[in-house]
Amino acid sequence: CEACARWLLDRNKIYEMVSAVVENVNKPVTCKVRIGWDYDHIYAVENAKAAERAGASAISLHGRTRVQMYEGKADWDIIRQVKEAVNIPVIGNGDVTSPELAQKMLDETGVDAVMIGREALGNPWMIYRTVHYLETGELMDEPTVKEKVEIALLHLRRLVELKGEKVGVMEMRKHASWYLKGVKGNGKARKALNQANTQQETIDILQTF
């Protein structure tokens, strides 16, 4: 396949793609890319410059390669190199698992903003806690189990309202497991959640906490 992440190997294709989008929309165009295909093919700076020349308004950079997927560590130094090489805003992404690490990324790379990804799954408090920490230097408390369950139930209700019970409950299975991550005694509940077929079943399981 010569699309998707394979384009990390060809800055010209990135330029052509971004140019085509910029020319056909009336909104700012941003890009999200990884640092390269693998560590033998790191073209993060070249690709970012190509996107900038093509008219991108900002670029978000995940500090891992395509081959790494989500394994290993994100390379913040390459993110720093990209920030220093372009004039458009750069958004750093990868291994920001706490408010303190968000501040550390800003300090070490000079990026204009930080993108939080997987850490926010089942943990929307991560966003609020990070913003509060960056603005005040104070760490908010972690959510209680009760708060996690309350938001999980709200999430379930809104999914069902949006997509209907069958699809909503199926999609909620993974989200509910994320909400319960780290909660003592969650193993049995997570297994039951993955077998739940109705909204009420899911509610009953979550309310055991």
N, C-alpha and C. Protein backbone atom coordinates (compact mmCIF):
# COMPACT_ATOMS: atom_id res chain seq x y z
N CYS A 1 0.84 -1.19 0.00
CA CYS A 1 0.00 0.00 0.00
C CYS A 1 0.88 1.24 0.00
N GLU A 2 0.60 2.17 -0.90
CA GLU A 2 1.40 3.39 -1.01
C GLU A 2 0.64 4.59 -0.43
N ALA A 3 -0.07 4.36 0.64
CA ALA A 3 -0.83 5.44 1.26
C ALA A 3 -0.58 5.43 2.76
N CYS A 4 -1.33 6.25 3.46
CA CYS A 4 -1.27 6.32 4.92
C CYS A 4 0.16 6.54 5.39
N ALA A 5 0.62 5.72 6.34
CA ALA A 5 1.93 5.94 6.95
C ALA A 5 3.08 5.77 5.95
N ARG A 6 2.86 5.10 4.84
CA ARG A 6 3.93 4.95 3.84
C ARG A 6 4.37 6.31 3.31
N TRP A 7 3.49 7.29 3.39
CA TRP A 7 3.85 8.61 2.89
C TRP A 7 4.92 9.28 3.75
N LEU A 8 5.17 8.72 4.93
CA LEU A 8 6.26 9.23 5.75
C LEU A 8 7.61 9.07 5.05
N LEU A 9 7.64 8.22 4.04
CA LEU A 9 8.88 7.97 3.29
C LEU A 9 9.03 8.91 2.10
N ASP A 10 8.02 9.73 1.84
CA ASP A 10 8.05 10.57 0.63
C ASP A 10 7.49 11.96 0.92
N ARG A 11 8.38 12.90 1.15
CA ARG A 11 7.95 14.26 1.48
C ARG A 11 7.17 14.90 0.33
N ASN A 12 7.45 14.46 -0.91
CA ASN A 12 6.75 15.05 -2.05
C ASN A 12 5.26 14.69 -2.03
N LYS A 13 4.96 13.47 -1.62
CA LYS A 13 3.55 13.08 -1.52
C LYS A 13 2.85 13.85 -0.41
N ILE A 14 3.57 14.08 0.68
CA ILE A 14 3.00 14.88 1.77
C ILE A 14 2.70 16.29 1.27
N TYR A 15 3.64 16.85 0.53
CA TYR A 15 3.44 18.19 -0.03
C TYR A 15 2.21 18.21 -0.94
N GLU A 16 2.11 17.23 -1.84
CA GLU A 16 0.99 17.19 -2.78
C GLU A 16 -0.35 17.04 -2.06
N MET A 17 -0.39 16.17 -1.05
CA MET A 17 -1.63 15.94 -0.33
C MET A 17 -2.08 17.19 0.42
N VAL A 18 -1.15 17.78 1.17
CA VAL A 18 -1.50 18.96 1.96
C VAL A 18 -1.89 20.12 1.04
N SER A 19 -1.15 20.29 -0.05
CA SER A 19 -1.47 21.35 -1.01
C SER A 19 -2.88 21.20 -1.56
N ALA A 20 -3.23 19.97 -1.92
CA ALA A 20 -4.55 19.71 -2.49
C ALA A 20 -5.66 20.06 -1.50
N VAL A 21 -5.46 19.71 -0.24
CA VAL A 21 -6.48 20.01 0.76
C VAL A 21 -6.56 21.52 1.00
N VAL A 22 -5.41 22.16 1.16
CA VAL A 22 -5.38 23.60 1.41
C VAL A 22 -6.08 24.37 0.30
N GLU A 23 -5.88 23.94 -0.93
CA GLU A 23 -6.47 24.64 -2.08
C GLU A 23 -7.98 24.45 -2.19
N ASN A 24 -8.50 23.45 -1.50
CA ASN A 24 -9.92 23.13 -1.69
C ASN A 24 -10.80 23.33 -0.46
N VAL A 25 -10.25 23.88 0.60
CA VAL A 25 -11.06 24.16 1.78
C VAL A 25 -10.82 25.58 2.24
N ASN A 26 -11.76 26.07 3.04
CA ASN A 26 -11.64 27.43 3.57
C ASN A 26 -11.36 27.44 5.06
N LYS A 27 -10.80 26.34 5.53
CA LYS A 27 -10.47 26.20 6.95
C LYS A 27 -8.96 25.98 7.10
N PRO A 28 -8.41 26.28 8.27
CA PRO A 28 -7.00 25.96 8.50
C PRO A 28 -6.78 24.45 8.39
N VAL A 29 -5.70 24.05 7.78
CA VAL A 29 -5.38 22.64 7.60
C VAL A 29 -4.21 22.28 8.51
N THR A 30 -4.40 21.26 9.32
CA THR A 30 -3.32 20.78 10.18
C THR A 30 -3.00 19.33 9.84
N CYS A 31 -1.81 18.89 10.21
CA CYS A 31 -1.37 17.53 9.92
C CYS A 31 -0.95 16.84 11.22
N LYS A 32 -1.18 15.54 11.28
CA LYS A 32 -0.64 14.74 12.39
C LYS A 32 0.16 13.60 11.79
N VAL A 33 1.43 13.53 12.13
CA VAL A 33 2.31 12.51 11.57
C VAL A 33 3.19 11.92 12.66
N ARG A 34 3.82 10.81 12.32
CA ARG A 34 4.84 10.23 13.19
C ARG A 34 6.22 10.69 12.73
N ILE A 35 7.23 10.40 13.53
CA ILE A 35 8.57 10.90 13.21
C ILE A 35 9.19 10.20 12.01
N GLY A 36 8.69 9.02 11.65
CA GLY A 36 9.23 8.31 10.50
C GLY A 36 8.65 6.92 10.39
N TRP A 37 9.10 6.20 9.37
CA TRP A 37 8.63 4.82 9.18
C TRP A 37 9.29 3.89 10.19
N ASP A 38 10.60 3.98 10.31
CA ASP A 38 11.37 3.26 11.31
C ASP A 38 12.61 4.10 11.60
N TYR A 39 13.50 3.60 12.47
CA TYR A 39 14.64 4.43 12.85
C TYR A 39 15.71 4.51 11.77
N ASP A 40 15.54 3.77 10.70
CA ASP A 40 16.43 3.93 9.55
C ASP A 40 15.87 4.95 8.56
N HIS A 41 14.65 5.36 8.79
CA HIS A 41 13.98 6.30 7.87
C HIS A 41 13.24 7.36 8.68
N ILE A 42 14.01 8.25 9.29
CA ILE A 42 13.45 9.36 10.07
C ILE A 42 13.52 10.62 9.22
N TYR A 43 12.35 11.05 8.73
CA TYR A 43 12.30 12.25 7.89
C TYR A 43 11.36 13.29 8.49
N ALA A 44 11.34 13.36 9.81
CA ALA A 44 10.39 14.23 10.48
C ALA A 44 10.56 15.69 10.09
N VAL A 45 11.80 16.16 10.08
CA VAL A 45 12.05 17.57 9.75
C VAL A 45 11.68 17.85 8.30
N GLU A 46 12.11 16.97 7.39
CA GLU A 46 11.81 17.17 5.97
C GLU A 46 10.31 17.13 5.71
N ASN A 47 9.62 16.20 6.36
CA ASN A 47 8.17 16.09 6.15
C ASN A 47 7.43 17.30 6.72
N ALA A 48 7.89 17.78 7.86
CA ALA A 48 7.26 18.96 8.46
C ALA A 48 7.46 20.19 7.58
N LYS A 49 8.66 20.32 7.02
CA LYS A 49 8.92 21.45 6.13
C LYS A 49 8.06 21.36 4.87
N ALA A 50 7.86 20.15 4.37
CA ALA A 50 7.01 19.97 3.19
C ALA A 50 5.58 20.38 3.49
N ALA A 51 5.08 19.98 4.66
CA ALA A 51 3.72 20.35 5.05
C ALA A 51 3.60 21.86 5.20
N GLU A 52 4.63 22.48 5.77
CA GLU A 52 4.62 23.93 5.94
C GLU A 52 4.61 24.64 4.59
N ARG A 53 5.45 24.20 3.65
CA ARG A 53 5.48 24.81 2.32
C ARG A 53 4.15 24.65 1.61
N ALA A 54 3.47 23.55 1.89
CA ALA A 54 2.19 23.27 1.23
C ALA A 54 1.04 24.09 1.80
N GLY A 55 1.29 24.76 2.92
CA GLY A 55 0.25 25.62 3.48
C GLY A 55 -0.38 25.14 4.76
N ALA A 56 0.17 24.11 5.37
CA ALA A 56 -0.37 23.64 6.65
C ALA A 56 -0.27 24.75 7.69
N SER A 57 -1.29 24.86 8.52
CA SER A 57 -1.30 25.89 9.55
C SER A 57 -0.62 25.45 10.83
N ALA A 58 -0.51 24.14 11.02
CA ALA A 58 0.15 23.58 12.20
C ALA A 58 0.42 22.11 11.94
N ILE A 59 1.33 21.55 12.72
CA ILE A 59 1.63 20.13 12.57
C ILE A 59 1.73 19.49 13.95
N SER A 60 1.10 18.34 14.09
CA SER A 60 1.19 17.56 15.32
C SER A 60 2.11 16.38 15.06
N LEU A 61 3.06 16.17 15.97
CA LEU A 61 4.06 15.13 15.75
C LEU A 61 4.07 14.13 16.89
N HIS A 62 3.81 12.86 16.53
CA HIS A 62 3.92 11.77 17.50
C HIS A 62 5.36 11.29 17.48
N GLY A 63 5.96 11.18 18.67
CA GLY A 63 7.38 10.89 18.75
C GLY A 63 7.78 9.44 18.58
N ARG A 64 6.96 8.64 17.90
CA ARG A 64 7.31 7.25 17.60
C ARG A 64 7.26 7.03 16.09
N THR A 65 7.89 5.95 15.65
CA THR A 65 7.83 5.58 14.24
C THR A 65 6.60 4.71 13.98
N ARG A 66 6.31 4.51 12.70
CA ARG A 66 5.21 3.62 12.32
C ARG A 66 5.48 2.20 12.80
N VAL A 67 6.71 1.74 12.68
CA VAL A 67 7.05 0.38 13.09
C VAL A 67 6.90 0.20 14.60
N GLN A 68 7.21 1.23 15.36
CA GLN A 68 7.07 1.15 16.82
C GLN A 68 5.62 0.98 17.25
N MET A 69 4.70 1.53 16.48
CA MET A 69 3.31 1.62 16.92
C MET A 69 3.27 2.34 18.27
N TYR A 70 2.87 1.64 19.35
CA TYR A 70 2.82 2.29 20.66
C TYR A 70 3.83 1.68 21.63
N GLU A 71 4.83 0.99 21.08
CA GLU A 71 5.86 0.38 21.91
C GLU A 71 7.03 1.34 22.08
N GLY A 72 7.86 1.08 23.08
CA GLY A 72 9.04 1.90 23.28
C GLY A 72 8.70 3.31 23.73
N LYS A 73 9.70 4.17 23.70
CA LYS A 73 9.53 5.55 24.16
C LYS A 73 9.37 6.50 22.99
N ALA A 74 8.60 7.55 23.20
CA ALA A 74 8.49 8.61 22.21
C ALA A 74 9.78 9.44 22.24
N ASP A 75 10.26 9.79 21.06
CA ASP A 75 11.52 10.53 20.94
C ASP A 75 11.23 12.03 20.94
N TRP A 76 11.32 12.62 22.10
CA TRP A 76 11.03 14.05 22.22
C TRP A 76 12.10 14.91 21.56
N ASP A 77 13.31 14.38 21.42
CA ASP A 77 14.37 15.18 20.81
C ASP A 77 14.07 15.46 19.35
N ILE A 78 13.48 14.48 18.66
CA ILE A 78 13.11 14.71 17.26
C ILE A 78 11.96 15.72 17.18
N ILE A 79 11.06 15.67 18.14
CA ILE A 79 10.00 16.68 18.19
C ILE A 79 10.63 18.07 18.34
N ARG A 80 11.64 18.17 19.20
CA ARG A 80 12.34 19.46 19.38
C ARG A 80 12.98 19.92 18.07
N GLN A 81 13.59 18.98 17.34
CA GLN A 81 14.23 19.34 16.08
C GLN A 81 13.22 19.89 15.08
N VAL A 82 12.05 19.29 15.04
CA VAL A 82 11.01 19.78 14.13
C VAL A 82 10.56 21.17 14.54
N LYS A 83 10.36 21.37 15.83
CA LYS A 83 9.94 22.69 16.31
C LYS A 83 10.94 23.76 15.90
N GLU A 84 12.22 23.44 15.97
CA GLU A 84 13.26 24.41 15.63
C GLU A 84 13.38 24.63 14.12
N ALA A 85 12.82 23.71 13.32
CA ALA A 85 13.02 23.76 11.87
C ALA A 85 11.90 24.47 11.12
N VAL A 86 10.73 24.62 11.74
CA VAL A 86 9.59 25.22 11.03
C VAL A 86 9.08 26.44 11.78
N ASN A 87 8.27 27.22 11.09
CA ASN A 87 7.71 28.43 11.69
C ASN A 87 6.25 28.30 12.08
N ILE A 88 5.60 27.23 11.62
CA ILE A 88 4.21 27.01 12.02
C ILE A 88 4.18 26.35 13.39
N PRO A 89 3.05 26.46 14.10
CA PRO A 89 2.95 25.82 15.42
C PRO A 89 3.17 24.31 15.34
N VAL A 90 3.87 23.78 16.33
CA VAL A 90 4.11 22.34 16.44
C VAL A 90 3.47 21.84 17.73
N ILE A 91 2.71 20.76 17.60
CA ILE A 91 2.02 20.15 18.74
C ILE A 91 2.70 18.82 19.04
N GLY A 92 3.24 18.68 20.24
CA GLY A 92 3.94 17.46 20.61
C GLY A 92 3.00 16.40 21.13
N ASN A 93 3.32 15.14 20.81
CA ASN A 93 2.46 14.02 21.20
C ASN A 93 3.33 12.80 21.50
N GLY A 94 2.96 12.08 22.55
CA GLY A 94 3.67 10.84 22.87
C GLY A 94 4.23 10.83 24.28
N ASP A 95 3.77 9.88 25.09
CA ASP A 95 4.25 9.68 26.46
C ASP A 95 3.91 10.82 27.40
N VAL A 96 2.84 11.54 27.12
CA VAL A 96 2.36 12.56 28.05
C VAL A 96 1.29 11.89 28.91
N THR A 97 1.73 11.31 30.02
CA THR A 97 0.84 10.51 30.86
C THR A 97 0.50 11.17 32.19
N SER A 98 0.92 12.41 32.35
CA SER A 98 0.61 13.14 33.58
C SER A 98 0.72 14.63 33.30
N PRO A 99 0.10 15.47 34.12
CA PRO A 99 0.25 16.91 33.95
C PRO A 99 1.71 17.36 34.01
N GLU A 100 2.48 16.73 34.89
CA GLU A 100 3.89 17.10 35.01
C GLU A 100 4.66 16.81 33.72
N LEU A 101 4.32 15.70 33.06
CA LEU A 101 5.01 15.37 31.82
C LEU A 101 4.59 16.30 30.68
N ALA A 102 3.38 16.82 30.74
CA ALA A 102 2.97 17.82 29.75
C ALA A 102 3.86 19.05 29.87
N GLN A 103 4.08 19.49 31.10
CA GLN A 103 4.96 20.64 31.32
C GLN A 103 6.38 20.33 30.89
N LYS A 104 6.83 19.11 31.17
CA LYS A 104 8.19 18.71 30.80
C LYS A 104 8.36 18.73 29.29
N MET A 105 7.37 18.24 28.55
CA MET A 105 7.46 18.27 27.09
C MET A 105 7.55 19.70 26.58
N LEU A 106 6.73 20.57 27.12
CA LEU A 106 6.77 21.98 26.72
C LEU A 106 8.16 22.57 26.97
N ASP A 107 8.72 22.26 28.13
CA ASP A 107 10.02 22.81 28.50
C ASP A 107 11.15 22.25 27.65
N GLU A 108 11.12 20.94 27.40
CA GLU A 108 12.24 20.29 26.73
C GLU A 108 12.22 20.42 25.21
N THR A 109 11.05 20.58 24.64
CA THR A 109 10.96 20.61 23.17
C THR A 109 10.63 21.99 22.62
N GLY A 110 10.03 22.84 23.45
CA GLY A 110 9.63 24.16 22.97
C GLY A 110 8.38 24.17 22.13
N VAL A 111 7.65 23.04 22.11
CA VAL A 111 6.44 22.98 21.28
C VAL A 111 5.41 24.01 21.74
N ASP A 112 4.51 24.31 20.83
CA ASP A 112 3.48 25.31 21.11
C ASP A 112 2.31 24.75 21.91
N ALA A 113 2.14 23.45 21.82
CA ALA A 113 1.03 22.80 22.53
C ALA A 113 1.35 21.32 22.69
N VAL A 114 0.61 20.67 23.56
CA VAL A 114 0.78 19.25 23.82
C VAL A 114 -0.53 18.53 23.49
N MET A 115 -0.42 17.41 22.80
CA MET A 115 -1.59 16.59 22.50
C MET A 115 -1.59 15.37 23.42
N ILE A 116 -2.70 15.16 24.10
CA ILE A 116 -2.85 14.00 24.98
C ILE A 116 -3.71 12.97 24.26
N GLY A 117 -3.20 11.75 24.16
CA GLY A 117 -3.91 10.72 23.42
C GLY A 117 -4.49 9.65 24.32
N ARG A 118 -3.83 8.48 24.34
CA ARG A 118 -4.38 7.31 25.04
C ARG A 118 -4.61 7.54 26.53
N GLU A 119 -3.84 8.44 27.13
CA GLU A 119 -3.99 8.66 28.57
C GLU A 119 -5.37 9.23 28.92
N ALA A 120 -6.04 9.82 27.95
CA ALA A 120 -7.37 10.39 28.21
C ALA A 120 -8.49 9.36 28.05
N LEU A 121 -8.17 8.15 27.57
CA LEU A 121 -9.19 7.12 27.42
C LEU A 121 -9.66 6.66 28.80
N GLY A 122 -10.92 6.84 29.07
CA GLY A 122 -11.45 6.50 30.38
C GLY A 122 -10.95 7.44 31.47
N ASN A 123 -10.30 8.50 31.07
CA ASN A 123 -9.70 9.42 32.03
C ASN A 123 -9.78 10.86 31.52
N PRO A 124 -10.99 11.36 31.26
CA PRO A 124 -11.11 12.74 30.78
C PRO A 124 -10.59 13.77 31.77
N TRP A 125 -10.46 13.38 33.03
CA TRP A 125 -9.91 14.28 34.05
C TRP A 125 -8.48 14.67 33.72
N MET A 126 -7.79 13.85 32.94
CA MET A 126 -6.41 14.16 32.56
C MET A 126 -6.33 15.52 31.88
N ILE A 127 -7.33 15.84 31.07
CA ILE A 127 -7.33 17.12 30.36
C ILE A 127 -7.45 18.28 31.35
N TYR A 128 -8.46 18.19 32.23
CA TYR A 128 -8.69 19.27 33.19
C TYR A 128 -7.52 19.42 34.15
N ARG A 129 -6.99 18.28 34.61
CA ARG A 129 -5.89 18.32 35.57
C ARG A 129 -4.64 18.92 34.93
N THR A 130 -4.43 18.63 33.64
CA THR A 130 -3.26 19.16 32.95
C THR A 130 -3.38 20.66 32.74
N VAL A 131 -4.54 21.11 32.28
CA VAL A 131 -4.75 22.54 32.07
C VAL A 131 -4.56 23.30 33.39
N HIS A 132 -5.14 22.76 34.45
CA HIS A 132 -5.03 23.41 35.76
C HIS A 132 -3.57 23.47 36.21
N TYR A 133 -2.85 22.39 36.00
CA TYR A 133 -1.44 22.35 36.42
C TYR A 133 -0.60 23.35 35.62
N LEU A 134 -0.83 23.41 34.32
CA LEU A 134 -0.06 24.33 33.48
C LEU A 134 -0.36 25.79 33.83
N GLU A 135 -1.59 26.05 34.25
CA GLU A 135 -1.97 27.42 34.57
C GLU A 135 -1.58 27.85 35.98
N THR A 136 -1.56 26.90 36.91
CA THR A 136 -1.35 27.27 38.32
C THR A 136 -0.16 26.60 38.98
N GLY A 137 0.33 25.49 38.40
CA GLY A 137 1.40 24.74 39.05
C GLY A 137 0.90 23.83 40.14
N GLU A 138 -0.42 23.75 40.31
CA GLU A 138 -1.02 22.92 41.35
C GLU A 138 -1.63 21.66 40.73
N LEU A 139 -1.41 20.53 41.40
CA LEU A 139 -1.99 19.27 40.94
C LEU A 139 -3.35 19.04 41.57
N MET A 140 -4.36 18.84 40.74
CA MET A 140 -5.67 18.47 41.25
C MET A 140 -5.65 17.00 41.66
N ASP A 141 -6.53 16.64 42.56
CA ASP A 141 -6.62 15.25 43.00
C ASP A 141 -7.07 14.35 41.85
N GLU A 142 -6.65 13.09 41.91
CA GLU A 142 -7.14 12.09 40.97
C GLU A 142 -8.63 11.86 41.23
N PRO A 143 -9.40 11.47 40.22
CA PRO A 143 -10.82 11.21 40.44
C PRO A 143 -11.02 10.00 41.35
N THR A 144 -12.08 10.03 42.12
CA THR A 144 -12.42 8.89 42.96
C THR A 144 -13.09 7.81 42.11
N VAL A 145 -13.22 6.62 42.67
CA VAL A 145 -13.91 5.54 41.97
C VAL A 145 -15.35 5.94 41.69
N LYS A 146 -15.98 6.61 42.65
CA LYS A 146 -17.37 7.06 42.47
C LYS A 146 -17.47 8.01 41.28
N GLU A 147 -16.54 8.94 41.18
CA GLU A 147 -16.55 9.88 40.06
C GLU A 147 -16.35 9.17 38.73
N LYS A 148 -15.47 8.18 38.71
CA LYS A 148 -15.23 7.43 37.48
C LYS A 148 -16.49 6.71 37.03
N VAL A 149 -17.17 6.09 37.97
CA VAL A 149 -18.39 5.35 37.64
C VAL A 149 -19.48 6.30 37.17
N GLU A 150 -19.62 7.44 37.82
CA GLU A 150 -20.65 8.41 37.43
C GLU A 150 -20.45 8.89 36.00
N ILE A 151 -19.20 9.18 35.64
CA ILE A 151 -18.93 9.64 34.27
C ILE A 151 -19.08 8.50 33.27
N ALA A 152 -18.70 7.29 33.68
CA ALA A 152 -18.89 6.14 32.80
C ALA A 152 -20.37 5.93 32.50
N LEU A 153 -21.22 6.10 33.50
CA LEU A 153 -22.67 5.95 33.30
C LEU A 153 -23.21 7.05 32.39
N LEU A 154 -22.70 8.26 32.56
CA LEU A 154 -23.11 9.37 31.68
C LEU A 154 -22.67 9.08 30.24
N HIS A 155 -21.46 8.59 30.10
CA HIS A 155 -20.92 8.24 28.78
C HIS A 155 -21.80 7.18 28.12
N LEU A 156 -22.18 6.17 28.89
CA LEU A 156 -23.05 5.11 28.38
C LEU A 156 -24.38 5.68 27.92
N ARG A 157 -24.99 6.50 28.75
CA ARG A 157 -26.30 7.07 28.42
C ARG A 157 -26.24 7.87 27.12
N ARG A 158 -25.20 8.66 26.97
CA ARG A 158 -25.10 9.50 25.77
C ARG A 158 -24.78 8.67 24.53
N LEU A 159 -24.01 7.61 24.69
CA LEU A 159 -23.74 6.73 23.55
C LEU A 159 -25.02 6.06 23.07
N VAL A 160 -25.84 5.60 24.02
CA VAL A 160 -27.09 4.94 23.66
C VAL A 160 -28.04 5.94 23.00
N GLU A 161 -28.09 7.16 23.52
CA GLU A 161 -28.94 8.19 22.92
C GLU A 161 -28.49 8.50 21.49
N LEU A 162 -27.20 8.47 21.28
CA LEU A 162 -26.65 8.84 19.97
C LEU A 162 -26.74 7.70 18.95
N LYS A 163 -26.46 6.47 19.40
CA LYS A 163 -26.31 5.37 18.45
C LYS A 163 -27.28 4.22 18.65
N GLY A 164 -28.16 4.34 19.64
CA GLY A 164 -29.07 3.24 19.92
C GLY A 164 -28.44 2.27 20.90
N GLU A 165 -29.28 1.44 21.53
CA GLU A 165 -28.79 0.58 22.60
C GLU A 165 -27.78 -0.45 22.11
N LYS A 166 -28.06 -1.12 21.02
CA LYS A 166 -27.18 -2.20 20.57
C LYS A 166 -25.77 -1.70 20.29
N VAL A 167 -25.66 -0.69 19.46
CA VAL A 167 -24.33 -0.16 19.10
C VAL A 167 -23.70 0.55 20.29
N GLY A 168 -24.51 1.33 21.01
CA GLY A 168 -23.99 2.08 22.14
C GLY A 168 -23.38 1.18 23.21
N VAL A 169 -24.07 0.10 23.53
CA VAL A 169 -23.57 -0.83 24.55
C VAL A 169 -22.30 -1.54 24.06
N MET A 170 -22.29 -1.93 22.79
CA MET A 170 -21.10 -2.59 22.24
C MET A 170 -19.89 -1.65 22.31
N GLU A 171 -20.09 -0.40 21.93
CA GLU A 171 -18.97 0.55 21.94
C GLU A 171 -18.54 0.88 23.37
N MET A 172 -19.49 0.83 24.30
CA MET A 172 -19.18 1.19 25.68
C MET A 172 -18.33 0.14 26.37
N ARG A 173 -18.29 -1.07 25.83
CA ARG A 173 -17.51 -2.13 26.47
C ARG A 173 -16.06 -1.69 26.69
N LYS A 174 -15.42 -1.20 25.64
CA LYS A 174 -14.01 -0.81 25.78
C LYS A 174 -13.86 0.43 26.65
N HIS A 175 -14.81 1.36 26.51
CA HIS A 175 -14.72 2.58 27.32
C HIS A 175 -14.88 2.28 28.81
N ALA A 176 -15.83 1.40 29.12
CA ALA A 176 -16.06 1.05 30.52
C ALA A 176 -14.82 0.40 31.13
N SER A 177 -14.16 -0.44 30.36
CA SER A 177 -12.94 -1.07 30.85
C SER A 177 -11.86 -0.04 31.11
N TRP A 178 -11.78 0.97 30.25
CA TRP A 178 -10.79 2.03 30.47
C TRP A 178 -11.12 2.82 31.74
N TYR A 179 -12.39 3.10 31.97
CA TYR A 179 -12.77 3.83 33.18
C TYR A 179 -12.37 3.06 34.44
N LEU A 180 -12.44 1.73 34.37
CA LEU A 180 -12.15 0.91 35.54
C LEU A 180 -10.67 0.54 35.66
N LYS A 181 -9.87 0.97 34.71
CA LYS A 181 -8.44 0.66 34.76
C LYS A 181 -7.84 1.18 36.07
N GLY A 182 -7.15 0.31 36.77
CA GLY A 182 -6.52 0.71 38.03
C GLY A 182 -7.42 0.62 39.24
N VAL A 183 -8.70 0.34 39.03
CA VAL A 183 -9.63 0.22 40.16
C VAL A 183 -9.50 -1.18 40.75
N LYS A 184 -9.35 -1.26 42.05
CA LYS A 184 -9.16 -2.54 42.72
C LYS A 184 -10.35 -3.47 42.47
N GLY A 185 -10.04 -4.71 42.10
CA GLY A 185 -11.08 -5.71 41.88
C GLY A 185 -11.84 -5.56 40.59
N ASN A 186 -11.22 -4.94 39.59
CA ASN A 186 -11.95 -4.67 38.35
C ASN A 186 -11.96 -5.84 37.36
N GLY A 187 -11.14 -6.85 37.60
CA GLY A 187 -11.00 -7.94 36.64
C GLY A 187 -12.31 -8.63 36.28
N LYS A 188 -13.06 -9.03 37.28
CA LYS A 188 -14.32 -9.73 37.05
C LYS A 188 -15.33 -8.81 36.36
N ALA A 189 -15.35 -7.55 36.79
CA ALA A 189 -16.30 -6.60 36.20
C ALA A 189 -15.98 -6.34 34.73
N ARG A 190 -14.70 -6.20 34.41
CA ARG A 190 -14.32 -5.94 33.02
C ARG A 190 -14.71 -7.12 32.13
N LYS A 191 -14.56 -8.32 32.64
CA LYS A 191 -14.96 -9.50 31.87
C LYS A 191 -16.47 -9.49 31.65
N ALA A 192 -17.22 -9.14 32.69
CA ALA A 192 -18.68 -9.09 32.57
C ALA A 192 -19.12 -7.99 31.61
N LEU A 193 -18.43 -6.85 31.66
CA LEU A 193 -18.77 -5.75 30.76
C LEU A 193 -18.60 -6.14 29.30
N ASN A 194 -17.60 -6.95 29.02
CA ASN A 194 -17.35 -7.38 27.65
C ASN A 194 -18.38 -8.38 27.15
N GLN A 195 -19.25 -8.83 28.06
CA GLN A 195 -20.32 -9.75 27.67
C GLN A 195 -21.70 -9.12 27.78
N ALA A 196 -21.75 -7.89 28.27
CA ALA A 196 -23.04 -7.20 28.44
C ALA A 196 -23.65 -6.84 27.09
N ASN A 197 -24.96 -7.02 26.98
CA ASN A 197 -25.65 -6.74 25.72
C ASN A 197 -26.71 -5.66 25.83
N THR A 198 -27.02 -5.25 27.06
CA THR A 198 -28.05 -4.22 27.24
C THR A 198 -27.52 -3.09 28.10
N GLN A 199 -28.19 -1.96 28.00
CA GLN A 199 -27.80 -0.81 28.80
C GLN A 199 -27.94 -1.12 30.29
N GLN A 200 -29.02 -1.78 30.67
CA GLN A 200 -29.24 -2.06 32.08
C GLN A 200 -28.19 -3.02 32.64
N GLU A 201 -27.78 -4.00 31.84
CA GLU A 201 -26.72 -4.91 32.29
C GLU A 201 -25.44 -4.12 32.60
N THR A 202 -25.11 -3.22 31.70
CA THR A 202 -23.89 -2.42 31.88
C THR A 202 -24.00 -1.54 33.11
N ILE A 203 -25.16 -0.93 33.30
CA ILE A 203 -25.39 -0.08 34.48
C ILE A 203 -25.22 -0.90 35.76
N ASP A 204 -25.83 -2.08 35.78
CA ASP A 204 -25.77 -2.92 36.98
C ASP A 204 -24.33 -3.30 37.34
N ILE A 205 -23.53 -3.60 36.32
CA ILE A 205 -22.13 -3.98 36.57
C ILE A 205 -21.35 -2.79 37.11
N LEU A 206 -21.52 -1.63 36.48
CA LEU A 206 -20.77 -0.45 36.91
C LEU A 206 -21.17 -0.02 38.32
N GLN A 207 -22.42 -0.22 38.66
CA GLN A 207 -22.89 0.23 39.98
C GLN A 207 -22.47 -0.70 41.11
N THR A 208 -21.75 -1.77 40.79
CA THR A 208 -21.22 -2.63 41.86
C THR A 208 -20.01 -1.98 42.53
N PHE A 209 -19.48 -0.92 41.93
CA PHE A 209 -18.32 -0.24 42.51
C PHE A 209 -18.76 0.95 43.36
